[in-house]
């Protein structure tokens, strides 16, 4: 190298670029958090709507001696059988859309990655499902025959 060789210190620009990339990565995290809250609220409202539609049935079941544990199990399994197909459809359609339309040259992971993602999401939603049953069971316990007008 001769005396005409010069160089620039680009450390500051590099740090600015890294900070900008970090700020850009916050947007997907924010969207995921909002979607997670929407999923939790939707799951609770789905259970609540199902409960209001079947409140008379649960009241009759309680009158003949069904325990709260059995009612909780019924509500849990109803939601469980809604979660399985919805997770399978959403993950499979999302993977197909991402790999064919959005990202043509996308690297597809091994089969264990989607299965692991499915398992993690299923466990998380089942935990949310279980804890959302607590206020619903309290509503069933407070419900009496006087709450329904018989015509």
N, C-alpha and C. Protein backbone atom coordinates (compact mmCIF):
# COMPACT_ATOMS: atom_id res chain seq x y z
N UNK A 1 0.84 -1.18 0.00
CA UNK A 1 0.00 0.00 0.00
C UNK A 1 0.89 1.24 0.00
N UNK A 2 0.49 2.22 -0.74
CA UNK A 2 1.31 3.43 -0.81
C UNK A 2 0.70 4.55 0.03
N UNK A 3 1.23 5.73 -0.09
CA UNK A 3 0.80 6.88 0.72
C UNK A 3 -0.58 7.37 0.32
N UNK A 4 -1.06 7.05 -0.87
CA UNK A 4 -2.37 7.50 -1.32
C UNK A 4 -3.52 6.66 -0.74
N UNK A 5 -3.18 5.59 -0.07
CA UNK A 5 -4.22 4.71 0.50
C UNK A 5 -4.86 5.37 1.71
N UNK A 6 -6.17 5.45 1.70
CA UNK A 6 -6.90 6.01 2.83
C UNK A 6 -8.00 5.04 3.24
N UNK A 7 -8.52 5.25 4.40
CA UNK A 7 -9.64 4.43 4.88
C UNK A 7 -10.55 5.29 5.75
N UNK A 8 -11.76 4.83 5.89
CA UNK A 8 -12.74 5.53 6.71
C UNK A 8 -13.10 4.65 7.91
N UNK A 9 -13.32 5.29 9.02
CA UNK A 9 -13.78 4.55 10.20
C UNK A 9 -15.30 4.49 10.11
N UNK A 10 -15.84 3.30 9.90
CA UNK A 10 -17.27 3.12 9.71
C UNK A 10 -17.94 2.46 10.93
N UNK A 11 -17.25 2.46 12.05
CA UNK A 11 -17.82 1.83 13.25
C UNK A 11 -19.12 2.50 13.67
N UNK A 12 -19.18 3.82 13.62
CA UNK A 12 -20.40 4.52 14.02
C UNK A 12 -21.59 4.19 13.12
N UNK A 13 -21.35 4.13 11.82
CA UNK A 13 -22.41 3.79 10.87
C UNK A 13 -22.87 2.35 11.08
N UNK A 14 -21.91 1.47 11.35
CA UNK A 14 -22.26 0.08 11.62
C UNK A 14 -23.15 -0.04 12.85
N UNK A 15 -22.81 0.68 13.91
CA UNK A 15 -23.63 0.66 15.14
C UNK A 15 -25.02 1.22 14.89
N UNK A 16 -25.11 2.30 14.09
CA UNK A 16 -26.41 2.86 13.74
C UNK A 16 -27.25 1.86 12.97
N UNK A 17 -26.63 1.14 12.05
CA UNK A 17 -27.35 0.12 11.29
C UNK A 17 -27.86 -1.00 12.18
N UNK A 18 -27.04 -1.43 13.12
CA UNK A 18 -27.47 -2.48 14.04
C UNK A 18 -28.63 -2.00 14.91
N UNK A 19 -28.55 -0.76 15.39
CA UNK A 19 -29.65 -0.21 16.19
C UNK A 19 -30.93 -0.10 15.36
N UNK A 20 -30.80 0.28 14.12
CA UNK A 20 -31.97 0.37 13.24
C UNK A 20 -32.59 -1.01 13.01
N UNK A 21 -31.76 -2.00 12.78
CA UNK A 21 -32.27 -3.36 12.61
C UNK A 21 -32.95 -3.86 13.87
N UNK A 22 -32.43 -3.50 15.04
CA UNK A 22 -33.07 -3.88 16.29
C UNK A 22 -34.45 -3.24 16.41
N UNK A 23 -34.56 -1.96 16.04
CA UNK A 23 -35.86 -1.29 16.09
C UNK A 23 -36.83 -1.91 15.11
N UNK A 24 -36.33 -2.32 13.95
CA UNK A 24 -37.20 -2.97 12.97
C UNK A 24 -37.70 -4.33 13.47
N UNK A 25 -36.90 -5.00 14.27
CA UNK A 25 -37.32 -6.30 14.78
C UNK A 25 -38.36 -6.18 15.89
N UNK A 26 -38.56 -5.00 16.42
CA UNK A 26 -39.58 -4.80 17.46
C UNK A 26 -40.99 -4.84 16.89
N UNK A 27 -41.17 -4.47 15.62
CA UNK A 27 -42.50 -4.45 15.02
C UNK A 27 -43.13 -5.85 14.97
N UNK A 28 -42.44 -6.87 14.49
CA UNK A 28 -43.06 -8.20 14.51
C UNK A 28 -43.37 -8.69 15.93
N UNK A 29 -42.51 -8.36 16.87
CA UNK A 29 -42.77 -8.76 18.26
C UNK A 29 -44.03 -8.08 18.77
N UNK A 30 -44.20 -6.81 18.46
CA UNK A 30 -45.39 -6.07 18.86
C UNK A 30 -46.65 -6.67 18.22
N UNK A 31 -46.58 -7.03 16.96
CA UNK A 31 -47.72 -7.63 16.27
C UNK A 31 -48.04 -9.00 16.86
N UNK A 32 -47.03 -9.78 17.18
CA UNK A 32 -47.26 -11.09 17.78
C UNK A 32 -47.93 -10.94 19.15
N UNK A 33 -47.51 -9.95 19.93
CA UNK A 33 -48.14 -9.73 21.24
C UNK A 33 -49.60 -9.33 21.08
N UNK A 34 -49.91 -8.47 20.14
CA UNK A 34 -51.30 -8.07 19.91
C UNK A 34 -52.14 -9.26 19.45
N UNK A 35 -51.60 -10.05 18.53
CA UNK A 35 -52.33 -11.23 18.06
C UNK A 35 -52.53 -12.24 19.19
N UNK A 36 -51.57 -12.37 20.07
CA UNK A 36 -51.72 -13.29 21.21
C UNK A 36 -52.84 -12.84 22.12
N UNK A 37 -52.93 -11.54 22.37
CA UNK A 37 -54.04 -11.04 23.20
C UNK A 37 -55.38 -11.26 22.52
N UNK A 38 -55.44 -11.08 21.21
CA UNK A 38 -56.68 -11.32 20.47
C UNK A 38 -57.07 -12.80 20.55
N UNK A 39 -56.09 -13.69 20.46
CA UNK A 39 -56.37 -15.13 20.55
C UNK A 39 -56.93 -15.47 21.93
N UNK A 40 -56.32 -14.93 22.97
CA UNK A 40 -56.77 -15.23 24.34
C UNK A 40 -58.18 -14.70 24.56
N UNK A 41 -58.45 -13.49 24.13
CA UNK A 41 -59.80 -12.92 24.30
C UNK A 41 -60.82 -13.69 23.47
N UNK A 42 -60.45 -14.09 22.26
CA UNK A 42 -61.37 -14.85 21.42
C UNK A 42 -61.68 -16.22 22.01
N UNK A 43 -60.67 -16.87 22.55
CA UNK A 43 -60.88 -18.17 23.18
C UNK A 43 -61.82 -18.05 24.38
N UNK A 44 -61.61 -17.03 25.20
CA UNK A 44 -62.48 -16.83 26.36
C UNK A 44 -63.91 -16.52 25.92
N UNK A 45 -64.06 -15.65 24.93
CA UNK A 45 -65.41 -15.30 24.46
C UNK A 45 -66.10 -16.48 23.78
N UNK A 46 -65.33 -17.34 23.11
CA UNK A 46 -65.91 -18.55 22.53
C UNK A 46 -66.48 -19.44 23.62
N UNK A 47 -65.72 -19.62 24.69
CA UNK A 47 -66.19 -20.44 25.79
C UNK A 47 -67.39 -19.80 26.49
N UNK A 48 -67.33 -18.49 26.65
CA UNK A 48 -68.42 -17.78 27.32
C UNK A 48 -69.71 -17.87 26.50
N UNK A 49 -69.61 -17.72 25.19
CA UNK A 49 -70.80 -17.83 24.33
C UNK A 49 -71.36 -19.24 24.37
N UNK A 50 -70.48 -20.23 24.36
CA UNK A 50 -70.94 -21.62 24.47
C UNK A 50 -71.61 -21.89 25.80
N UNK A 51 -71.10 -21.27 26.84
CA UNK A 51 -71.67 -21.44 28.17
C UNK A 51 -73.06 -20.83 28.25
N UNK A 52 -73.23 -19.63 27.71
CA UNK A 52 -74.53 -18.97 27.76
C UNK A 52 -75.56 -19.74 26.94
N UNK A 53 -75.14 -20.36 25.86
CA UNK A 53 -76.06 -21.15 25.05
C UNK A 53 -76.47 -22.45 25.72
N UNK A 54 -75.60 -22.96 26.57
CA UNK A 54 -75.87 -24.25 27.22
C UNK A 54 -76.07 -24.11 28.72
N UNK A 55 -76.38 -22.92 29.18
CA UNK A 55 -76.51 -22.69 30.62
C UNK A 55 -77.62 -23.54 31.23
N UNK A 56 -78.72 -23.68 30.51
CA UNK A 56 -79.82 -24.51 31.03
C UNK A 56 -79.38 -25.97 31.15
N UNK A 57 -78.62 -26.45 30.16
CA UNK A 57 -78.14 -27.84 30.23
C UNK A 57 -77.22 -28.04 31.42
N UNK A 58 -76.33 -27.08 31.65
CA UNK A 58 -75.43 -27.19 32.79
C UNK A 58 -76.19 -27.09 34.11
N UNK A 59 -77.22 -26.28 34.13
CA UNK A 59 -78.04 -26.16 35.33
C UNK A 59 -78.76 -27.48 35.62
N UNK A 60 -79.27 -28.12 34.59
CA UNK A 60 -79.91 -29.43 34.76
C UNK A 60 -78.89 -30.46 35.21
N UNK A 61 -77.70 -30.43 34.62
CA UNK A 61 -76.66 -31.38 35.01
C UNK A 61 -76.26 -31.18 36.46
N UNK A 62 -76.17 -29.92 36.89
CA UNK A 62 -75.85 -29.66 38.30
C UNK A 62 -76.97 -30.13 39.21
N UNK A 63 -78.23 -29.99 38.75
CA UNK A 63 -79.37 -30.40 39.57
C UNK A 63 -79.41 -31.91 39.79
N UNK A 64 -78.91 -32.67 38.82
CA UNK A 64 -78.92 -34.13 38.99
C UNK A 64 -77.64 -34.65 39.63
N UNK A 65 -76.75 -33.72 40.01
CA UNK A 65 -75.59 -34.13 40.81
C UNK A 65 -74.25 -34.13 40.12
N UNK A 66 -74.15 -33.53 38.97
CA UNK A 66 -72.86 -33.48 38.29
C UNK A 66 -71.92 -32.53 39.04
N UNK A 67 -70.70 -32.96 39.22
CA UNK A 67 -69.73 -32.13 39.95
C UNK A 67 -69.12 -31.09 39.01
N UNK A 68 -68.56 -30.05 39.63
CA UNK A 68 -67.92 -28.98 38.86
C UNK A 68 -66.75 -29.51 38.04
N UNK A 69 -66.08 -30.52 38.53
CA UNK A 69 -64.95 -31.09 37.81
C UNK A 69 -65.40 -31.69 36.48
N UNK A 70 -66.55 -32.32 36.46
CA UNK A 70 -67.07 -32.90 35.22
C UNK A 70 -67.50 -31.81 34.25
N UNK A 71 -68.11 -30.74 34.77
CA UNK A 71 -68.50 -29.62 33.91
C UNK A 71 -67.27 -28.95 33.31
N UNK A 72 -66.23 -28.79 34.13
CA UNK A 72 -64.99 -28.18 33.65
C UNK A 72 -64.36 -29.06 32.57
N UNK A 73 -64.44 -30.38 32.76
CA UNK A 73 -63.87 -31.29 31.77
C UNK A 73 -64.63 -31.21 30.45
N UNK A 74 -65.95 -31.08 30.52
CA UNK A 74 -66.76 -30.95 29.30
C UNK A 74 -66.38 -29.69 28.54
N UNK A 75 -66.31 -28.57 29.25
CA UNK A 75 -65.97 -27.30 28.60
C UNK A 75 -64.54 -27.33 28.05
N UNK A 76 -63.63 -27.94 28.79
CA UNK A 76 -62.23 -28.03 28.34
C UNK A 76 -62.13 -28.85 27.06
N UNK A 77 -62.80 -29.99 27.02
CA UNK A 77 -62.72 -30.86 25.84
C UNK A 77 -63.40 -30.24 24.63
N UNK A 78 -64.48 -29.49 24.85
CA UNK A 78 -65.12 -28.82 23.72
C UNK A 78 -64.16 -27.85 23.05
N UNK A 79 -63.46 -27.08 23.84
CA UNK A 79 -62.51 -26.12 23.29
C UNK A 79 -61.29 -26.84 22.72
N UNK A 80 -60.88 -27.93 23.33
CA UNK A 80 -59.75 -28.70 22.84
C UNK A 80 -60.00 -29.18 21.41
N UNK A 81 -61.23 -29.65 21.15
CA UNK A 81 -61.55 -30.15 19.82
C UNK A 81 -61.78 -29.04 18.80
N UNK A 82 -61.79 -27.81 19.24
CA UNK A 82 -61.79 -26.67 18.32
C UNK A 82 -60.36 -26.22 18.07
N UNK A 83 -59.51 -26.31 19.08
CA UNK A 83 -58.12 -25.86 18.95
C UNK A 83 -57.30 -26.71 17.98
N UNK A 84 -57.48 -28.00 18.01
CA UNK A 84 -56.67 -28.91 17.18
C UNK A 84 -56.82 -28.58 15.69
N UNK A 85 -58.04 -28.60 15.14
CA UNK A 85 -58.13 -28.30 13.70
C UNK A 85 -57.74 -26.87 13.35
N UNK A 86 -58.03 -25.93 14.23
CA UNK A 86 -57.68 -24.54 13.91
C UNK A 86 -56.16 -24.36 13.89
N UNK A 87 -55.45 -24.98 14.80
CA UNK A 87 -53.98 -24.89 14.78
C UNK A 87 -53.40 -25.58 13.55
N UNK A 88 -53.92 -26.76 13.23
CA UNK A 88 -53.41 -27.47 12.06
C UNK A 88 -53.64 -26.67 10.78
N UNK A 89 -54.83 -26.12 10.63
CA UNK A 89 -55.13 -25.33 9.43
C UNK A 89 -54.29 -24.06 9.36
N UNK A 90 -54.21 -23.35 10.47
CA UNK A 90 -53.49 -22.08 10.43
C UNK A 90 -52.00 -22.27 10.17
N UNK A 91 -51.39 -23.25 10.81
CA UNK A 91 -49.96 -23.48 10.58
C UNK A 91 -49.69 -24.01 9.17
N UNK A 92 -50.52 -24.92 8.69
CA UNK A 92 -50.27 -25.47 7.36
C UNK A 92 -50.51 -24.43 6.27
N UNK A 93 -51.60 -23.66 6.37
CA UNK A 93 -51.86 -22.63 5.37
C UNK A 93 -50.78 -21.54 5.44
N UNK A 94 -50.35 -21.18 6.65
CA UNK A 94 -49.29 -20.19 6.79
C UNK A 94 -47.99 -20.64 6.16
N UNK A 95 -47.62 -21.90 6.35
CA UNK A 95 -46.39 -22.41 5.75
C UNK A 95 -46.49 -22.45 4.23
N UNK A 96 -47.66 -22.87 3.73
CA UNK A 96 -47.82 -22.95 2.27
C UNK A 96 -47.78 -21.56 1.65
N UNK A 97 -48.47 -20.59 2.25
CA UNK A 97 -48.46 -19.23 1.71
C UNK A 97 -47.07 -18.63 1.77
N UNK A 98 -46.37 -18.82 2.87
CA UNK A 98 -45.03 -18.26 2.99
C UNK A 98 -44.06 -18.87 1.99
N UNK A 99 -44.15 -20.16 1.78
CA UNK A 99 -43.17 -20.81 0.90
C UNK A 99 -43.50 -20.67 -0.57
N UNK A 100 -44.76 -20.42 -0.93
CA UNK A 100 -45.10 -20.32 -2.36
C UNK A 100 -45.30 -18.89 -2.84
N UNK A 101 -45.94 -18.06 -2.04
CA UNK A 101 -46.30 -16.72 -2.52
C UNK A 101 -45.36 -15.65 -1.97
N UNK A 102 -45.20 -15.61 -0.67
CA UNK A 102 -44.45 -14.52 -0.07
C UNK A 102 -42.94 -14.67 -0.22
N UNK A 103 -42.44 -15.83 0.06
CA UNK A 103 -40.99 -16.07 0.02
C UNK A 103 -40.73 -17.22 -0.94
N UNK A 104 -40.47 -16.89 -2.19
CA UNK A 104 -40.31 -17.95 -3.19
C UNK A 104 -39.09 -18.82 -2.93
N UNK A 105 -38.04 -18.22 -2.42
CA UNK A 105 -36.82 -18.98 -2.18
C UNK A 105 -36.65 -19.30 -0.70
N UNK A 106 -37.72 -19.49 -0.02
CA UNK A 106 -37.65 -19.73 1.42
C UNK A 106 -37.03 -21.09 1.69
N UNK A 107 -36.23 -21.10 2.71
CA UNK A 107 -35.64 -22.35 3.18
C UNK A 107 -36.65 -23.03 4.08
N UNK A 108 -37.07 -24.21 3.71
CA UNK A 108 -38.04 -24.94 4.51
C UNK A 108 -37.31 -25.74 5.58
N UNK A 109 -37.71 -25.58 6.82
CA UNK A 109 -37.04 -26.32 7.89
C UNK A 109 -37.43 -27.79 7.85
N UNK A 110 -36.76 -28.55 8.67
CA UNK A 110 -37.11 -29.96 8.75
C UNK A 110 -38.50 -30.10 9.37
N UNK A 111 -39.06 -31.26 9.29
CA UNK A 111 -40.43 -31.48 9.74
C UNK A 111 -40.58 -31.31 11.25
N UNK A 112 -39.51 -31.46 11.99
CA UNK A 112 -39.58 -31.36 13.44
C UNK A 112 -39.92 -29.94 13.89
N UNK A 113 -39.50 -28.93 13.12
CA UNK A 113 -39.74 -27.53 13.51
C UNK A 113 -41.23 -27.20 13.51
N UNK A 114 -42.00 -27.49 12.45
CA UNK A 114 -43.44 -27.21 12.52
C UNK A 114 -44.16 -28.06 13.57
N UNK A 115 -43.73 -29.28 13.74
CA UNK A 115 -44.35 -30.12 14.76
C UNK A 115 -44.07 -29.60 16.17
N UNK A 116 -42.86 -29.12 16.39
CA UNK A 116 -42.51 -28.53 17.67
C UNK A 116 -43.29 -27.24 17.90
N UNK A 117 -43.42 -26.43 16.87
CA UNK A 117 -44.22 -25.20 16.96
C UNK A 117 -45.67 -25.52 17.27
N UNK A 118 -46.21 -26.53 16.61
CA UNK A 118 -47.58 -26.96 16.87
C UNK A 118 -47.74 -27.40 18.32
N UNK A 119 -46.79 -28.18 18.82
CA UNK A 119 -46.88 -28.67 20.20
C UNK A 119 -46.80 -27.52 21.20
N UNK A 120 -45.89 -26.58 20.97
CA UNK A 120 -45.74 -25.45 21.89
C UNK A 120 -47.02 -24.60 21.90
N UNK A 121 -47.55 -24.31 20.72
CA UNK A 121 -48.78 -23.51 20.65
C UNK A 121 -49.96 -24.24 21.26
N UNK A 122 -50.05 -25.54 21.03
CA UNK A 122 -51.14 -26.31 21.61
C UNK A 122 -51.08 -26.32 23.12
N UNK A 123 -49.91 -26.53 23.68
CA UNK A 123 -49.76 -26.53 25.13
C UNK A 123 -50.10 -25.16 25.70
N UNK A 124 -49.61 -24.10 25.06
CA UNK A 124 -49.89 -22.75 25.54
C UNK A 124 -51.39 -22.45 25.50
N UNK A 125 -52.05 -22.81 24.41
CA UNK A 125 -53.48 -22.55 24.31
C UNK A 125 -54.30 -23.42 25.26
N UNK A 126 -53.84 -24.63 25.52
CA UNK A 126 -54.54 -25.48 26.49
C UNK A 126 -54.41 -24.94 27.90
N UNK A 127 -53.27 -24.38 28.23
CA UNK A 127 -53.09 -23.75 29.54
C UNK A 127 -54.01 -22.54 29.66
N UNK A 128 -54.06 -21.73 28.62
CA UNK A 128 -54.97 -20.58 28.62
C UNK A 128 -56.41 -21.05 28.71
N UNK A 129 -56.73 -22.12 28.00
CA UNK A 129 -58.08 -22.69 28.03
C UNK A 129 -58.44 -23.12 29.45
N UNK A 130 -57.52 -23.77 30.12
CA UNK A 130 -57.79 -24.26 31.47
C UNK A 130 -58.05 -23.10 32.44
N UNK A 131 -57.20 -22.08 32.37
CA UNK A 131 -57.36 -20.95 33.30
C UNK A 131 -58.55 -20.07 32.95
N UNK A 132 -58.99 -20.07 31.70
CA UNK A 132 -60.17 -19.29 31.36
C UNK A 132 -61.45 -19.97 31.81
N UNK A 133 -61.37 -21.23 32.19
CA UNK A 133 -62.56 -21.93 32.69
C UNK A 133 -62.91 -21.53 34.12
N UNK A 134 -61.97 -20.98 34.85
CA UNK A 134 -62.22 -20.63 36.26
C UNK A 134 -63.37 -19.63 36.40
N UNK A 135 -63.35 -18.48 35.67
CA UNK A 135 -64.50 -17.58 35.82
C UNK A 135 -65.80 -18.16 35.25
N UNK A 136 -65.69 -19.02 34.24
CA UNK A 136 -66.89 -19.62 33.67
C UNK A 136 -67.55 -20.59 34.64
N UNK A 137 -66.77 -21.35 35.35
CA UNK A 137 -67.33 -22.28 36.35
C UNK A 137 -67.97 -21.48 37.49
N UNK A 138 -67.38 -20.34 37.84
CA UNK A 138 -68.00 -19.49 38.87
C UNK A 138 -69.36 -18.99 38.40
N UNK A 139 -69.48 -18.67 37.10
CA UNK A 139 -70.77 -18.23 36.58
C UNK A 139 -71.79 -19.36 36.63
N UNK A 140 -71.35 -20.57 36.35
CA UNK A 140 -72.26 -21.72 36.42
C UNK A 140 -72.73 -21.91 37.86
N UNK A 141 -71.83 -21.76 38.81
CA UNK A 141 -72.19 -21.94 40.22
C UNK A 141 -73.17 -20.86 40.69
N UNK A 142 -73.08 -19.65 40.17
CA UNK A 142 -73.98 -18.57 40.57
C UNK A 142 -75.33 -18.64 39.88
N UNK A 143 -75.40 -19.37 38.78
CA UNK A 143 -76.61 -19.44 37.98
C UNK A 143 -77.68 -20.27 38.70
N UNK A 144 -78.91 -19.77 38.69
CA UNK A 144 -80.04 -20.50 39.27
C UNK A 144 -81.16 -20.58 38.25
N UNK A 145 -82.19 -21.33 38.56
CA UNK A 145 -83.33 -21.48 37.68
C UNK A 145 -84.09 -20.16 37.52
N UNK A 146 -83.96 -19.28 38.48
CA UNK A 146 -84.64 -17.98 38.41
C UNK A 146 -84.05 -17.09 37.33
N UNK A 147 -82.85 -17.39 36.89
CA UNK A 147 -82.21 -16.58 35.87
C UNK A 147 -82.82 -16.79 34.48
N UNK A 148 -83.61 -17.86 34.33
CA UNK A 148 -84.20 -18.18 33.05
C UNK A 148 -85.71 -18.02 33.13
N UNK A 149 -86.24 -17.30 32.16
CA UNK A 149 -87.71 -17.15 32.10
C UNK A 149 -88.27 -18.34 31.36
N UNK A 150 -89.19 -19.01 32.01
CA UNK A 150 -89.81 -20.19 31.39
C UNK A 150 -91.18 -19.76 30.87
N UNK A 151 -91.37 -19.93 29.56
CA UNK A 151 -92.64 -19.50 28.94
C UNK A 151 -93.54 -20.68 28.73
